[in-house]
Amino acid sequence: MRKKIALDMDEVVANVMPKFLAAYEAEFGKCLQREDYWGKKIYDIPGADHIRNVLYNKGFFRDLPVMENSQEVVQELNEKYDIFFTTSAMEFRNSLEDKYDWLLDHFPFISWKKFVFCGDKSILRADYMIDDHPRNLKKFVGKGLLYTASHNIDENSYTRVNNWLEVREFFASETP
């Protein structure tokens, strides 16, 4: 029986930062630099909390850029592991169709039967989970890998991966 890997979408395989940066610039007329938001979410910048509302827009999740090297590494992992995309899509109703179509476009080698749209990831059972939110790894019973994002840089409780090449390196030393 193959081991299972649960993969988050946003800020793990799908890059939401360009859209948040564009929304901030459109609203405030300022192009943010990494040091302006590093250590928090863009909508945690004072006065920018309403920027989070773009997540409710139909189409927000549909055309996100793919994280560099994620497609190749996920395809490699898929040869040895059962890959499940596990995304907290329930808060943003319009994201369901967008995320579904995005996954089909960018990861066509993963069956739609392995897409898990949920609100609470504590129900997930897999051997590994790669996620950018420590709260999702906290109750996870398998091995949690924290994918680096601006909002989690101070978290030290989990094995950290900074990019997909590091994910590849981590699994190269694991037994499938």
C-alpha atoms as a PDB file:
ATOM      1  CA  MET A   1       0.000   0.000   0.000  1.00  0.00           C
ATOM      2  CA  ARG A   2       1.415   3.368  -1.054  1.00  0.00           C
ATOM      3  CA  LYS A   3       1.927   6.155   1.429  1.00  0.00           C
ATOM      4  CA  LYS A   4      -0.241   9.260   1.063  1.00  0.00           C
ATOM      5  CA  ILE A   5       0.805  12.896   0.749  1.00  0.00           C
ATOM      6  CA  ALA A   6      -1.754  15.646   1.370  1.00  0.00           C
ATOM      7  CA  LEU A   7      -0.810  18.837  -0.507  1.00  0.00           C
ATOM      8  CA  ASP A   8      -2.269  22.221   0.263  1.00  0.00           C
ATOM      9  CA  MET A   9      -2.923  24.518  -2.688  1.00  0.00           C
ATOM     10  CA  ASP A  10      -2.625  28.205  -1.804  1.00  0.00           C
ATOM     11  CA  GLU A  11       0.939  29.302  -1.139  1.00  0.00           C
ATOM     12  CA  VAL A  12       2.151  25.718  -1.645  1.00  0.00           C
ATOM     13  CA  VAL A  13       1.438  24.877  -5.308  1.00  0.00           C
ATOM     14  CA  ALA A  14      -0.554  28.010  -6.222  1.00  0.00           C
ATOM     15  CA  ASN A  15       1.084  31.405  -5.741  1.00  0.00           C
ATOM     16  CA  VAL A  16      -1.454  33.895  -4.347  1.00  0.00           C
ATOM     17  CA  MET A  17       1.091  36.646  -3.667  1.00  0.00           C
ATOM     18  CA  PRO A  18       1.023  38.303  -7.110  1.00  0.00           C
ATOM     19  CA  LYS A  19      -2.737  38.842  -6.836  1.00  0.00           C
ATOM     20  CA  PHE A  20      -2.507  40.190  -3.295  1.00  0.00           C
ATOM     21  CA  LEU A  21       0.308  42.523  -4.316  1.00  0.00           C
ATOM     22  CA  ALA A  22      -1.726  43.757  -7.294  1.00  0.00           C
ATOM     23  CA  ALA A  23      -4.798  44.322  -5.108  1.00  0.00           C
ATOM     24  CA  TYR A  24      -2.733  46.275  -2.597  1.00  0.00           C
ATOM     25  CA  GLU A  25      -1.155  48.395  -5.320  1.00  0.00           C
ATOM     26  CA  ALA A  26      -4.552  49.096  -6.944  1.00  0.00           C
ATOM     27  CA  GLU A  27      -5.995  50.150  -3.589  1.00  0.00           C
ATOM     28  CA  PHE A  28      -3.107  52.167  -2.170  1.00  0.00           C
ATOM     29  CA  GLY A  29      -1.073  53.150  -5.243  1.00  0.00           C
ATOM     30  CA  LYS A  30       2.047  51.651  -3.682  1.00  0.00           C
ATOM     31  CA  CYS A  31       4.057  48.666  -4.843  1.00  0.00           C
ATOM     32  CA  LEU A  32       4.946  46.621  -1.776  1.00  0.00           C
ATOM     33  CA  GLN A  33       8.417  45.249  -1.312  1.00  0.00           C
ATOM     34  CA  ARG A  34       9.002  41.895   0.379  1.00  0.00           C
ATOM     35  CA  GLU A  35      10.194  43.553   3.600  1.00  0.00           C
ATOM     36  CA  ASP A  36       6.845  45.417   3.817  1.00  0.00           C
ATOM     37  CA  TYR A  37       4.865  42.215   4.342  1.00  0.00           C
ATOM     38  CA  TRP A  38       7.433  39.564   5.311  1.00  0.00           C
ATOM     39  CA  GLY A  39       6.357  38.010   8.595  1.00  0.00           C
ATOM     40  CA  LYS A  40       2.629  38.567   8.011  1.00  0.00           C
ATOM     41  CA  LYS A  41      -0.113  38.394   5.430  1.00  0.00           C
ATOM     42  CA  ILE A  42      -0.574  41.443   3.209  1.00  0.00           C
ATOM     43  CA  TYR A  43      -4.006  42.034   4.688  1.00  0.00           C
ATOM     44  CA  ASP A  44      -2.407  42.224   8.141  1.00  0.00           C
ATOM     45  CA  ILE A  45      -0.667  45.458   7.148  1.00  0.00           C
ATOM     46  CA  PRO A  46      -2.380  48.281   9.076  1.00  0.00           C
ATOM     47  CA  GLY A  47      -5.299  49.646   7.057  1.00  0.00           C
ATOM     48  CA  ALA A  48      -5.237  46.814   4.506  1.00  0.00           C
ATOM     49  CA  ASP A  49      -7.463  44.238   6.236  1.00  0.00           C
ATOM     50  CA  HIS A  50     -10.155  44.669   3.551  1.00  0.00           C
ATOM     51  CA  ILE A  51      -7.692  43.429   0.882  1.00  0.00           C
ATOM     52  CA  ARG A  52      -8.572  39.921   2.106  1.00  0.00           C
ATOM     53  CA  ASN A  53     -12.009  40.373   0.527  1.00  0.00           C
ATOM     54  CA  VAL A  54     -10.528  39.633  -2.922  1.00  0.00           C
ATOM     55  CA  LEU A  55     -10.533  35.971  -1.845  1.00  0.00           C
ATOM     56  CA  TYR A  56     -14.344  35.991  -2.191  1.00  0.00           C
ATOM     57  CA  ASN A  57     -14.246  37.137  -5.826  1.00  0.00           C
ATOM     58  CA  LYS A  58     -15.215  34.670  -8.533  1.00  0.00           C
ATOM     59  CA  GLY A  59     -12.097  33.994 -10.563  1.00  0.00           C
ATOM     60  CA  PHE A  60      -9.536  34.941  -7.900  1.00  0.00           C
ATOM     61  CA  PHE A  61      -8.197  31.390  -7.641  1.00  0.00           C
ATOM     62  CA  ARG A  62      -8.658  30.475 -11.319  1.00  0.00           C
ATOM     63  CA  ASP A  63      -5.521  32.008 -12.798  1.00  0.00           C
ATOM     64  CA  LEU A  64      -2.980  31.908  -9.980  1.00  0.00           C
ATOM     65  CA  PRO A  65       0.599  31.241 -11.043  1.00  0.00           C
ATOM     66  CA  VAL A  66       2.018  27.804 -10.283  1.00  0.00           C
ATOM     67  CA  MET A  67       4.809  27.620  -7.705  1.00  0.00           C
ATOM     68  CA  GLU A  68       8.143  27.048  -9.378  1.00  0.00           C
ATOM     69  CA  ASN A  69       9.072  23.369  -9.812  1.00  0.00           C
ATOM     70  CA  SER A  70       5.863  22.146  -8.143  1.00  0.00           C
ATOM     71  CA  GLN A  71       4.458  20.415 -11.225  1.00  0.00           C
ATOM     72  CA  GLU A  72       7.618  18.436 -11.898  1.00  0.00           C
ATOM     73  CA  VAL A  73       8.157  17.418  -8.287  1.00  0.00           C
ATOM     74  CA  VAL A  74       4.508  16.481  -7.718  1.00  0.00           C
ATOM     75  CA  GLN A  75       4.610  14.371 -10.870  1.00  0.00           C
ATOM     76  CA  GLU A  76       7.736  12.593  -9.588  1.00  0.00           C
ATOM     77  CA  LEU A  77       6.160  12.028  -6.172  1.00  0.00           C
ATOM     78  CA  ASN A  78       3.005  10.728  -7.826  1.00  0.00           C
ATOM     79  CA  GLU A  79       5.020   7.795  -9.182  1.00  0.00           C
ATOM     80  CA  LYS A  80       5.739   6.549  -5.627  1.00  0.00           C
ATOM     81  CA  TYR A  81       3.026   8.079  -3.420  1.00  0.00           C
ATOM     82  CA  ASP A  82      -0.713   8.681  -3.521  1.00  0.00           C
ATOM     83  CA  ILE A  83      -1.052  12.448  -3.884  1.00  0.00           C
ATOM     84  CA  PHE A  84      -4.152  14.244  -2.605  1.00  0.00           C
ATOM     85  CA  PHE A  85      -4.735  17.976  -3.027  1.00  0.00           C
ATOM     86  CA  THR A  86      -6.299  19.142   0.215  1.00  0.00           C
ATOM     87  CA  THR A  87      -7.491  22.725   0.294  1.00  0.00           C
ATOM     88  CA  SER A  88      -9.601  24.705   2.719  1.00  0.00           C
ATOM     89  CA  ALA A  89     -12.024  25.916   0.075  1.00  0.00           C
ATOM     90  CA  MET A  90     -15.244  26.110   2.047  1.00  0.00           C
ATOM     91  CA  GLU A  91     -14.815  29.646   3.415  1.00  0.00           C
ATOM     92  CA  PHE A  92     -14.592  31.055  -0.100  1.00  0.00           C
ATOM     93  CA  ARG A  93     -17.560  29.601  -1.939  1.00  0.00           C
ATOM     94  CA  ASN A  94     -16.468  30.876  -5.336  1.00  0.00           C
ATOM     95  CA  SER A  95     -13.118  29.186  -4.951  1.00  0.00           C
ATOM     96  CA  LEU A  96     -14.519  25.669  -5.364  1.00  0.00           C
ATOM     97  CA  GLU A  97     -14.969  25.749  -9.131  1.00  0.00           C
ATOM     98  CA  ASP A  98     -11.884  27.939  -9.628  1.00  0.00           C
ATOM     99  CA  LYS A  99      -9.642  25.596  -7.656  1.00  0.00           C
ATOM    100  CA  TYR A 100     -11.079  22.485  -9.281  1.00  0.00           C
ATOM    101  CA  ASP A 101     -10.444  23.845 -12.787  1.00  0.00           C
ATOM    102  CA  TRP A 102      -7.011  25.176 -11.794  1.00  0.00           C
ATOM    103  CA  LEU A 103      -5.947  21.738 -10.554  1.00  0.00           C
ATOM    104  CA  LEU A 104      -7.183  20.037 -13.726  1.00  0.00           C
ATOM    105  CA  ASP A 105      -5.229  22.537 -15.832  1.00  0.00           C
ATOM    106  CA  HIS A 106      -1.956  22.471 -13.913  1.00  0.00           C
ATOM    107  CA  PHE A 107      -1.867  18.942 -12.470  1.00  0.00           C
ATOM    108  CA  PRO A 108      -3.740  16.838 -15.042  1.00  0.00           C
ATOM    109  CA  PHE A 109      -1.861  13.708 -13.923  1.00  0.00           C
ATOM    110  CA  ILE A 110      -3.692  13.799 -10.551  1.00  0.00           C
ATOM    111  CA  SER A 111      -7.242  12.434 -10.754  1.00  0.00           C
ATOM    112  CA  TRP A 112     -10.144  14.628  -9.667  1.00  0.00           C
ATOM    113  CA  LYS A 113     -10.928  11.801  -7.240  1.00  0.00           C
ATOM    114  CA  LYS A 114      -7.912  12.962  -5.232  1.00  0.00           C
ATOM    115  CA  PHE A 115      -9.142  16.554  -4.733  1.00  0.00           C
ATOM    116  CA  VAL A 116     -10.296  17.194  -1.161  1.00  0.00           C
ATOM    117  CA  PHE A 117     -12.147  20.463  -0.572  1.00  0.00           C
ATOM    118  CA  CYS A 118     -12.746  20.940   3.127  1.00  0.00           C
ATOM    119  CA  GLY A 119     -13.136  23.476   5.892  1.00  0.00           C
ATOM    120  CA  ASP A 120     -11.229  21.705   8.652  1.00  0.00           C
ATOM    121  CA  LYS A 121      -8.137  19.736   7.714  1.00  0.00           C
ATOM    122  CA  SER A 122      -8.015  17.927  11.050  1.00  0.00           C
ATOM    123  CA  ILE A 123     -10.149  15.186   9.445  1.00  0.00           C
ATOM    124  CA  LEU A 124      -7.402  14.307   6.975  1.00  0.00           C
ATOM    125  CA  ARG A 125      -5.477  11.075   7.296  1.00  0.00           C
ATOM    126  CA  ALA A 126      -2.272  10.753   5.320  1.00  0.00           C
ATOM    127  CA  ASP A 127       1.351   9.939   5.983  1.00  0.00           C
ATOM    128  CA  TYR A 128       2.555  13.446   5.088  1.00  0.00           C
ATOM    129  CA  MET A 129       0.998  16.880   4.745  1.00  0.00           C
ATOM    130  CA  ILE A 130       2.625  19.889   3.108  1.00  0.00           C
ATOM    131  CA  ASP A 131       0.908  23.104   4.172  1.00  0.00           C
ATOM    132  CA  ASP A 132       1.761  26.748   4.795  1.00  0.00           C
ATOM    133  CA  HIS A 133      -0.485  27.082   7.875  1.00  0.00           C
ATOM    134  CA  PRO A 134       0.811  25.607  11.142  1.00  0.00           C
ATOM    135  CA  ARG A 135      -2.803  25.352  12.397  1.00  0.00           C
ATOM    136  CA  ASN A 136      -3.427  22.672   9.751  1.00  0.00           C
ATOM    137  CA  LEU A 137      -0.388  20.686  10.824  1.00  0.00           C
ATOM    138  CA  LYS A 138      -1.114  20.950  14.554  1.00  0.00           C
ATOM    139  CA  LYS A 139      -3.701  18.141  14.670  1.00  0.00           C
ATOM    140  CA  PHE A 140      -2.284  16.194  11.744  1.00  0.00           C
ATOM    141  CA  VAL A 141      -1.281  12.666  12.803  1.00  0.00           C
ATOM    142  CA  GLY A 142       1.323  12.113  10.053  1.00  0.00           C
ATOM    143  CA  LYS A 143       4.536  14.000   9.291  1.00  0.00           C
ATOM    144  CA  GLY A 144       3.853  17.693   8.694  1.00  0.00           C
ATOM    145  CA  LEU A 145       6.025  19.777   6.403  1.00  0.00           C
ATOM    146  CA  LEU A 146       5.653  23.543   6.700  1.00  0.00           C
ATOM    147  CA  TYR A 147       5.968  25.252   3.329  1.00  0.00           C
ATOM    148  CA  THR A 148       7.544  28.668   3.829  1.00  0.00           C
ATOM    149  CA  ALA A 149       5.248  31.646   3.349  1.00  0.00           C
ATOM    150  CA  SER A 150       5.517  35.209   4.627  1.00  0.00           C
ATOM    151  CA  HIS A 151       3.070  34.570   7.475  1.00  0.00           C
ATOM    152  CA  ASN A 152       4.864  31.513   8.933  1.00  0.00           C
ATOM    153  CA  ILE A 153       8.518  32.523   9.051  1.00  0.00           C
ATOM    154  CA  ASP A 154       8.612  32.590  12.853  1.00  0.00           C
ATOM    155  CA  GLU A 155       7.182  29.073  13.215  1.00  0.00           C
ATOM    156  CA  ASN A 156       9.742  26.464  14.266  1.00  0.00           C
ATOM    157  CA  SER A 157       7.619  23.474  15.318  1.00  0.00           C
ATOM    158  CA  TYR A 158       7.654  21.624  11.991  1.00  0.00           C
ATOM    159  CA  THR A 159      10.081  20.467   9.344  1.00  0.00           C
ATOM    160  CA  ARG A 160      10.334  23.420   6.973  1.00  0.00           C
ATOM    161  CA  VAL A 161      10.578  23.314   3.198  1.00  0.00           C
ATOM    162  CA  ASN A 162      11.293  26.574   1.394  1.00  0.00           C
ATOM    163  CA  ASN A 163      10.599  25.462  -2.168  1.00  0.00           C
ATOM    164  CA  TRP A 164       9.767  22.436  -4.283  1.00  0.00           C
ATOM    165  CA  LEU A 165      13.383  21.437  -4.775  1.00  0.00           C
ATOM    166  CA  GLU A 166      13.617  21.044  -0.991  1.00  0.00           C
ATOM    167  CA  VAL A 167      10.409  18.974  -1.068  1.00  0.00           C
ATOM    168  CA  ARG A 168      12.075  16.709  -3.641  1.00  0.00           C
ATOM    169  CA  GLU A 169      15.170  16.463  -1.442  1.00  0.00           C
ATOM    170  CA  PHE A 170      13.086  15.608   1.642  1.00  0.00           C
ATOM    171  CA  PHE A 171      11.268  12.757  -0.088  1.00  0.00           C
ATOM    172  CA  ALA A 172      14.471  11.447  -1.672  1.00  0.00           C
ATOM    173  CA  SER A 173      15.520  10.398   1.839  1.00  0.00           C
ATOM    174  CA  GLU A 174      12.114   8.900   2.783  1.00  0.00           C
ATOM    175  CA  THR A 175      10.966   5.345   2.159  1.00  0.00           C
ATOM    176  CA  PRO A 176       7.804   5.326   0.027  1.00  0.00           C
END
